[in-house]
Amino acid sequence: MNDWQDTARADVAEVLRRAGLQVQASDGGLEVALDGCLPHAFHPVVLNREMTAPMAAQLEASQGDVVVARFVNDLAADVLRARGIDFVDRAGNVHFRRPGFLIDIRGRRRPERAVPVHTRDEPPLVEAPASSLKVAFALVCRPELAAAPMRKIATAAGTSLGSVPRAIEALESGGFLLSRDRSERKLIRRGELAALWVEVFATKLRPRVRGSYFSPATSGWWEGVTAEEGLAFSGEVGAWLLDGYLRPSGALAYVTGDPLLVAARHRLRPDPAAGTVEIREQFWHFEWVPGRPTAPPLLVYADLIATAEPRLVEAAHHLREESDELRRLLLP
């Protein structure tokens, strides 16, 4: 283990002791016990940063793993509990379930030292502006654009020409683009970039593209929509159209035209307070023809993950396993 992992393990052991468990080192991990219960050994899954809800929703953890983070915020903690993943943070928040006992400590505030930390090798995309995330999305979905002129990249990503060099620099610095000159730029580590994009989308880009809310005249209004009508469904409806797993209770669509005109065409009534249909202006402008009126699968997945709602996170994970595109991008 490196110094951070050693320190994290020691801190976790102390947190668990304060929670009433007996803790000792065991084969590079920890062994815990409670009076009257069998001891349980585990190896901490250590993250050198704060745990966010999108991270929690995407996290791959085996049964019995215990995630250790600098801090687990309330929404991330709810997602981890719903997914059955145990966690401990250095602030003292704990969810630890083993046969015979459950430790569940909530509400501990973020200590000063547990601010989000970006390690030296972490991609600068985490701190990049929304325009860089649009460029990254276009390149992940259309890797051949990496070698295209910057003007073409800007058009595909829906950004200004001036914002593309900064995005290219961020991706190069993060180790996602190899570049000698324009004609030799190549996207690498595409899957890692896709997973990072999903996480950062929730906090950086999604708030910038929020749309207007409407109430439909009928619950299944979207069932007759075709790919030629200018709507690209994401979220629940997008996932349903792609894999038919979870019947939608609401709808999210990106449109290329005026959202109000699209809403009127489909008898959607403006309802900012209680609308179950959200319509956003489409931010990507590269060709995407999956045969159905859906957004690219990566965006459908990201919109589901960003909600941090267990039901929709479940739908996201099912889609990731069923979609050929997402399996290639996000599964080992």
Protein backbone atom coordinates (compact mmCIF):
# COMPACT_ATOMS: atom_id res chain seq x y z
CA MET A 1 0.00 0.00 0.00
CA ASN A 2 1.14 3.55 -0.58
CA ASP A 3 1.22 6.18 2.15
CA TRP A 4 -2.36 7.36 1.49
CA GLN A 5 -3.72 3.82 1.62
CA ASP A 6 -1.83 3.10 4.85
CA THR A 7 -3.18 6.29 6.39
CA ALA A 8 -6.70 5.56 5.13
CA ARG A 9 -6.62 2.04 6.57
CA ALA A 10 -5.48 3.36 9.95
CA ASP A 11 -8.20 6.02 9.92
CA VAL A 12 -10.86 3.47 8.97
CA ALA A 13 -9.74 1.15 11.75
CA GLU A 14 -10.11 4.02 14.23
CA VAL A 15 -13.57 4.94 12.89
CA LEU A 16 -14.73 1.33 13.24
CA ARG A 17 -13.32 1.08 16.76
CA ARG A 18 -15.25 4.21 17.74
CA ALA A 19 -18.35 2.51 16.29
CA GLY A 20 -17.89 -0.33 18.75
CA LEU A 21 -16.08 -2.94 16.64
CA GLN A 22 -12.91 -4.80 17.50
CA VAL A 23 -10.43 -4.20 14.67
CA GLN A 24 -7.06 -5.70 13.79
CA ALA A 25 -4.86 -6.01 10.71
CA SER A 26 -5.31 -9.15 8.61
CA ASP A 27 -3.33 -10.12 5.46
CA GLY A 28 -3.06 -6.59 4.15
CA GLY A 29 -6.65 -5.81 5.07
CA LEU A 30 -8.66 -5.53 8.26
CA GLU A 31 -10.55 -7.99 10.43
CA VAL A 32 -13.51 -6.77 12.48
CA ALA A 33 -15.59 -8.40 15.18
CA LEU A 34 -18.41 -7.56 17.55
CA ASP A 35 -18.99 -9.33 20.85
CA GLY A 36 -20.99 -12.48 20.23
CA CYS A 37 -20.45 -12.41 16.43
CA LEU A 38 -17.94 -14.12 14.16
CA PRO A 39 -15.01 -11.99 12.94
CA HIS A 40 -15.07 -10.77 9.32
CA ALA A 41 -12.03 -9.89 7.22
CA PHE A 42 -12.13 -7.47 4.32
CA HIS A 43 -9.80 -5.52 2.07
CA PRO A 44 -10.76 -1.86 1.83
CA VAL A 45 -11.42 -0.41 -1.62
CA VAL A 46 -9.62 2.89 -1.10
CA LEU A 47 -10.52 6.03 -3.05
CA ASN A 48 -8.28 9.07 -2.69
CA ARG A 49 -11.14 11.55 -3.08
CA GLU A 50 -14.67 12.40 -2.03
CA MET A 51 -17.40 9.97 -3.04
CA THR A 52 -20.15 11.57 -5.12
CA ALA A 53 -23.51 10.10 -6.07
CA PRO A 54 -22.54 9.49 -9.74
CA MET A 55 -19.39 7.71 -8.56
CA ALA A 56 -21.46 5.63 -6.16
CA ALA A 57 -23.90 4.73 -8.90
CA GLN A 58 -21.17 3.58 -11.29
CA LEU A 59 -18.94 1.92 -8.71
CA GLU A 60 -18.02 -1.69 -9.36
CA ALA A 61 -17.72 -3.44 -6.01
CA SER A 62 -17.89 -7.10 -5.12
CA GLN A 63 -20.04 -8.41 -2.29
CA GLY A 64 -18.16 -7.95 0.96
CA ASP A 65 -16.04 -5.03 -0.26
CA VAL A 66 -15.92 -1.92 1.90
CA VAL A 67 -15.41 1.37 0.09
CA VAL A 68 -13.17 3.84 1.88
CA ALA A 69 -13.26 7.49 0.81
CA ARG A 70 -12.14 10.80 2.20
CA PHE A 71 -15.81 11.73 2.53
CA VAL A 72 -19.13 10.19 1.44
CA ASN A 73 -21.80 12.84 1.03
CA ASP A 74 -25.43 12.13 1.99
CA LEU A 75 -26.68 11.47 -1.55
CA ALA A 76 -23.75 9.15 -2.33
CA ALA A 77 -24.36 7.32 0.95
CA ASP A 78 -28.02 6.76 0.00
CA VAL A 79 -26.96 5.31 -3.36
CA LEU A 80 -24.40 2.99 -1.76
CA ARG A 81 -26.91 1.75 0.84
CA ALA A 82 -29.50 1.12 -1.88
CA ARG A 83 -26.92 -0.90 -3.83
CA GLY A 84 -25.86 -2.90 -0.78
CA ILE A 85 -22.29 -1.56 -0.76
CA ASP A 86 -20.66 -0.95 2.62
CA PHE A 87 -18.59 2.18 3.13
CA VAL A 88 -16.57 4.12 5.66
CA ASP A 89 -15.27 7.67 5.38
CA ARG A 90 -12.70 9.57 7.39
CA ALA A 91 -15.38 11.83 8.85
CA GLY A 92 -16.93 8.87 10.68
CA ASN A 93 -19.89 8.02 8.44
CA VAL A 94 -20.28 4.24 8.29
CA HIS A 95 -22.55 1.65 6.75
CA PHE A 96 -21.24 -1.79 7.60
CA ARG A 97 -23.47 -4.86 7.46
CA ARG A 98 -22.30 -8.34 8.31
CA PRO A 99 -24.16 -11.42 9.62
CA GLY A 100 -25.21 -10.60 13.15
CA PHE A 101 -24.75 -6.83 13.14
CA LEU A 102 -25.25 -3.57 11.29
CA ILE A 103 -23.33 -0.33 11.93
CA ASP A 104 -25.02 2.69 10.33
CA ILE A 105 -23.69 6.12 11.31
CA ARG A 106 -24.91 9.18 9.41
CA GLY A 107 -24.67 12.94 9.43
CA ARG A 108 -20.98 13.42 10.18
CA ARG A 109 -19.76 16.59 8.52
CA ARG A 110 -16.94 16.80 6.04
CA PRO A 111 -13.68 17.45 7.90
CA GLU A 112 -11.43 20.16 6.51
CA ARG A 113 -8.87 17.65 5.34
CA ALA A 114 -11.51 15.66 3.45
CA VAL A 115 -12.04 18.15 0.64
CA PRO A 116 -12.19 16.73 -2.88
CA VAL A 117 -8.63 15.92 -3.89
CA HIS A 118 -7.45 15.46 -7.44
CA THR A 119 -4.30 13.42 -7.64
CA ARG A 120 -1.51 14.33 -9.98
CA ASP A 121 -2.50 11.72 -12.56
CA GLU A 122 -6.24 12.51 -12.42
CA PRO A 123 -7.60 13.98 -15.66
CA PRO A 124 -7.92 17.78 -15.79
CA LEU A 125 -11.35 17.16 -17.33
CA VAL A 126 -12.68 17.05 -13.76
CA GLU A 127 -12.07 20.80 -13.53
CA ALA A 128 -12.80 21.59 -17.18
CA PRO A 129 -15.63 23.89 -18.35
CA ALA A 130 -18.86 22.57 -19.84
CA SER A 131 -17.60 23.19 -23.38
CA SER A 132 -14.74 20.73 -22.83
CA LEU A 133 -17.22 18.10 -21.66
CA LYS A 134 -19.19 18.57 -24.87
CA VAL A 135 -16.02 18.00 -26.88
CA ALA A 136 -15.17 14.92 -24.83
CA PHE A 137 -18.67 13.54 -25.40
CA ALA A 138 -18.40 14.03 -29.16
CA LEU A 139 -15.01 12.30 -29.26
CA VAL A 140 -16.12 9.36 -27.10
CA CYS A 141 -19.17 8.80 -29.31
CA ARG A 142 -17.31 9.52 -32.56
CA PRO A 143 -13.60 8.69 -32.01
CA GLU A 144 -12.75 9.46 -35.64
CA LEU A 145 -13.41 13.14 -34.89
CA ALA A 146 -10.11 13.28 -32.98
CA ALA A 147 -8.24 13.66 -36.28
CA ALA A 148 -10.76 16.12 -37.75
CA PRO A 149 -10.18 19.88 -38.11
CA MET A 150 -11.04 21.83 -34.97
CA ARG A 151 -13.89 23.58 -36.75
CA LYS A 152 -15.53 20.21 -37.45
CA ILE A 153 -15.02 19.15 -33.82
CA ALA A 154 -16.61 22.41 -32.63
CA THR A 155 -19.63 21.85 -34.88
CA ALA A 156 -20.10 18.25 -33.74
CA ALA A 157 -19.77 19.19 -30.07
CA GLY A 158 -22.01 22.27 -30.27
CA THR A 159 -19.28 24.56 -28.92
CA SER A 160 -17.42 27.62 -30.13
CA LEU A 161 -14.28 27.13 -32.19
CA GLY A 162 -12.27 28.97 -29.56
CA SER A 163 -13.16 26.44 -26.85
CA VAL A 164 -11.85 23.38 -28.72
CA PRO A 165 -8.08 23.92 -28.21
CA ARG A 166 -8.60 24.08 -24.45
CA ALA A 167 -10.59 20.85 -24.52
CA ILE A 168 -7.95 19.16 -26.68
CA GLU A 169 -5.24 20.29 -24.26
CA ALA A 170 -7.19 18.93 -21.27
CA LEU A 171 -7.66 15.56 -22.97
CA GLU A 172 -3.99 15.41 -23.94
CA SER A 173 -2.92 16.30 -20.39
CA GLY A 174 -5.21 13.60 -19.03
CA GLY A 175 -3.69 11.00 -21.31
CA PHE A 176 -6.78 10.52 -23.47
CA LEU A 177 -5.43 11.96 -26.71
CA LEU A 178 -2.19 11.15 -28.49
CA SER A 179 -1.21 14.00 -30.72
CA ARG A 180 1.69 14.91 -32.99
CA ASP A 181 -0.25 17.10 -35.32
CA ARG A 182 -3.91 17.39 -36.26
CA SER A 183 -3.89 14.49 -38.69
CA GLU A 184 -2.31 12.17 -36.10
CA ARG A 185 -4.53 12.94 -33.11
CA LYS A 186 -5.94 9.71 -31.73
CA LEU A 187 -8.35 9.02 -28.86
CA ILE A 188 -7.05 6.41 -26.39
CA ARG A 189 -8.41 4.99 -23.10
CA ARG A 190 -11.88 5.61 -24.51
CA GLY A 191 -13.66 3.55 -21.87
CA GLU A 192 -11.94 5.36 -19.00
CA LEU A 193 -12.86 8.69 -20.54
CA ALA A 194 -16.48 7.56 -20.96
CA ALA A 195 -16.74 6.55 -17.29
CA LEU A 196 -15.16 9.82 -16.17
CA TRP A 197 -17.49 11.78 -18.45
CA VAL A 198 -20.56 10.15 -16.89
CA GLU A 199 -19.39 11.20 -13.43
CA VAL A 200 -18.51 14.78 -14.35
CA PHE A 201 -21.60 15.23 -16.55
CA ALA A 202 -23.84 15.16 -13.49
CA THR A 203 -22.19 18.14 -11.81
CA LYS A 204 -20.71 20.16 -14.68
CA LEU A 205 -22.76 19.77 -17.84
CA ARG A 206 -26.20 18.51 -16.86
CA PRO A 207 -27.05 21.64 -14.81
CA ARG A 208 -26.20 23.76 -17.87
CA VAL A 209 -28.58 21.93 -20.19
CA ARG A 210 -31.65 21.69 -17.98
CA GLY A 211 -34.79 22.35 -19.95
CA SER A 212 -38.48 23.05 -19.45
CA TYR A 213 -41.03 20.81 -17.74
CA PHE A 214 -44.39 19.75 -19.13
CA SER A 215 -47.32 17.49 -18.28
CA PRO A 216 -48.51 15.11 -21.01
CA ALA A 217 -52.10 14.61 -22.11
CA THR A 218 -51.52 10.84 -22.00
CA SER A 219 -48.86 8.83 -20.16
CA GLY A 220 -47.66 6.97 -23.27
CA TRP A 221 -47.46 10.02 -25.53
CA TRP A 222 -43.90 9.13 -26.54
CA GLU A 223 -44.75 5.68 -27.90
CA GLY A 224 -45.60 6.89 -31.38
CA VAL A 225 -42.66 9.28 -31.78
CA THR A 226 -40.32 8.47 -34.67
CA ALA A 227 -36.65 9.26 -35.17
CA GLU A 228 -37.56 11.80 -37.86
CA GLU A 229 -39.48 14.10 -35.48
CA GLY A 230 -36.42 15.77 -33.96
CA LEU A 231 -36.67 14.25 -30.47
CA ALA A 232 -33.93 12.16 -28.91
CA PHE A 233 -35.13 10.45 -25.74
CA SER A 234 -32.76 9.96 -22.85
CA GLY A 235 -33.25 8.81 -19.25
CA GLU A 236 -36.15 6.45 -18.59
CA VAL A 237 -37.77 6.51 -22.02
CA GLY A 238 -34.43 6.29 -23.81
CA ALA A 239 -33.50 3.23 -21.75
CA TRP A 240 -36.91 1.63 -22.34
CA LEU A 241 -36.60 2.10 -26.10
CA LEU A 242 -33.11 0.59 -26.04
CA ASP A 243 -33.68 -2.40 -23.76
CA GLY A 244 -37.35 -2.52 -22.64
CA TYR A 245 -36.37 -3.20 -19.03
CA LEU A 246 -38.07 -0.59 -16.84
CA ARG A 247 -41.39 0.99 -17.77
CA PRO A 248 -40.97 4.80 -17.70
CA SER A 249 -42.83 6.98 -15.23
CA GLY A 250 -41.47 10.20 -16.73
CA ALA A 251 -39.71 11.34 -19.88
CA LEU A 252 -36.63 13.31 -20.87
CA ALA A 253 -36.03 14.35 -24.47
CA TYR A 254 -33.44 16.45 -26.27
CA VAL A 255 -34.72 18.39 -29.26
CA THR A 256 -33.10 20.15 -32.18
CA GLY A 257 -35.87 22.71 -32.62
CA ASP A 258 -37.83 25.03 -30.34
CA PRO A 259 -38.82 23.03 -27.21
CA LEU A 260 -42.14 24.88 -26.96
CA LEU A 261 -43.10 24.00 -30.54
CA VAL A 262 -42.16 20.37 -29.97
CA ALA A 263 -44.23 20.36 -26.77
CA ALA A 264 -47.27 21.84 -28.52
CA ARG A 265 -47.01 19.26 -31.31
CA HIS A 266 -47.23 16.47 -28.74
CA ARG A 267 -49.90 18.10 -26.55
CA LEU A 268 -47.54 18.72 -23.65
CA ARG A 269 -48.74 21.41 -21.25
CA PRO A 270 -46.16 23.68 -19.55
CA ASP A 271 -45.92 22.64 -15.91
CA PRO A 272 -42.73 23.92 -14.21
CA ALA A 273 -43.82 22.76 -10.75
CA ALA A 274 -45.02 19.19 -11.32
CA GLY A 275 -44.27 18.26 -14.92
CA THR A 276 -43.05 14.72 -15.58
CA VAL A 277 -41.66 15.51 -19.03
CA GLU A 278 -38.45 17.49 -19.41
CA ILE A 279 -37.42 18.84 -22.80
CA ARG A 280 -33.88 20.13 -23.32
CA GLU A 281 -32.14 21.65 -26.30
CA GLN A 282 -29.83 19.11 -27.91
CA PHE A 283 -26.18 20.01 -27.26
CA TRP A 284 -24.47 17.57 -29.65
CA HIS A 285 -24.58 17.90 -33.41
CA PHE A 286 -22.95 14.80 -34.79
CA GLU A 287 -24.96 12.21 -36.66
CA TRP A 288 -26.54 9.58 -34.49
CA VAL A 289 -28.95 7.19 -36.16
CA PRO A 290 -29.65 4.20 -33.91
CA GLY A 291 -32.99 3.51 -35.65
CA ARG A 292 -34.99 4.77 -32.70
CA PRO A 293 -35.62 8.30 -31.38
CA THR A 294 -32.99 8.00 -28.65
CA ALA A 295 -29.94 9.94 -27.57
CA PRO A 296 -26.55 8.17 -27.77
CA PRO A 297 -26.54 5.35 -25.18
CA LEU A 298 -23.75 6.99 -23.16
CA LEU A 299 -25.98 10.02 -22.55
CA VAL A 300 -29.01 7.85 -21.74
CA TYR A 301 -26.87 6.03 -19.18
CA ALA A 302 -25.42 9.28 -17.80
CA ASP A 303 -28.85 10.88 -17.35
CA LEU A 304 -30.05 7.84 -15.40
CA ILE A 305 -26.94 7.76 -13.21
CA ALA A 306 -27.16 11.50 -12.54
CA THR A 307 -30.55 11.13 -10.84
CA ALA A 308 -28.97 8.94 -8.12
CA GLU A 309 -32.43 7.33 -7.71
CA PRO A 310 -32.02 3.59 -6.98
CA ARG A 311 -34.74 2.59 -9.45
CA LEU A 312 -33.09 4.55 -12.27
CA VAL A 313 -29.57 3.53 -11.28
CA GLU A 314 -30.76 -0.07 -11.60
CA ALA A 315 -32.08 0.74 -15.07
CA ALA A 316 -28.71 2.29 -15.94
CA HIS A 317 -26.80 -0.82 -14.92
CA HIS A 318 -29.16 -3.06 -16.89
CA LEU A 319 -28.75 -0.84 -19.96
CA ARG A 320 -24.97 -0.94 -19.59
CA GLU A 321 -25.07 -4.74 -19.74
CA GLU A 322 -27.57 -4.95 -22.61
CA SER A 323 -26.26 -2.23 -24.94
CA ASP A 324 -23.44 -3.35 -27.24
CA GLU A 325 -22.07 0.20 -27.28
CA LEU A 326 -22.04 0.57 -23.50
CA ARG A 327 -20.59 -2.90 -22.95
CA ARG A 328 -17.66 -1.99 -25.19
CA LEU A 329 -17.20 1.32 -23.39
CA LEU A 330 -17.86 0.63 -19.73
CA LEU A 331 -17.50 -3.07 -18.94
CA PRO A 332 -14.12 -4.76 -18.40
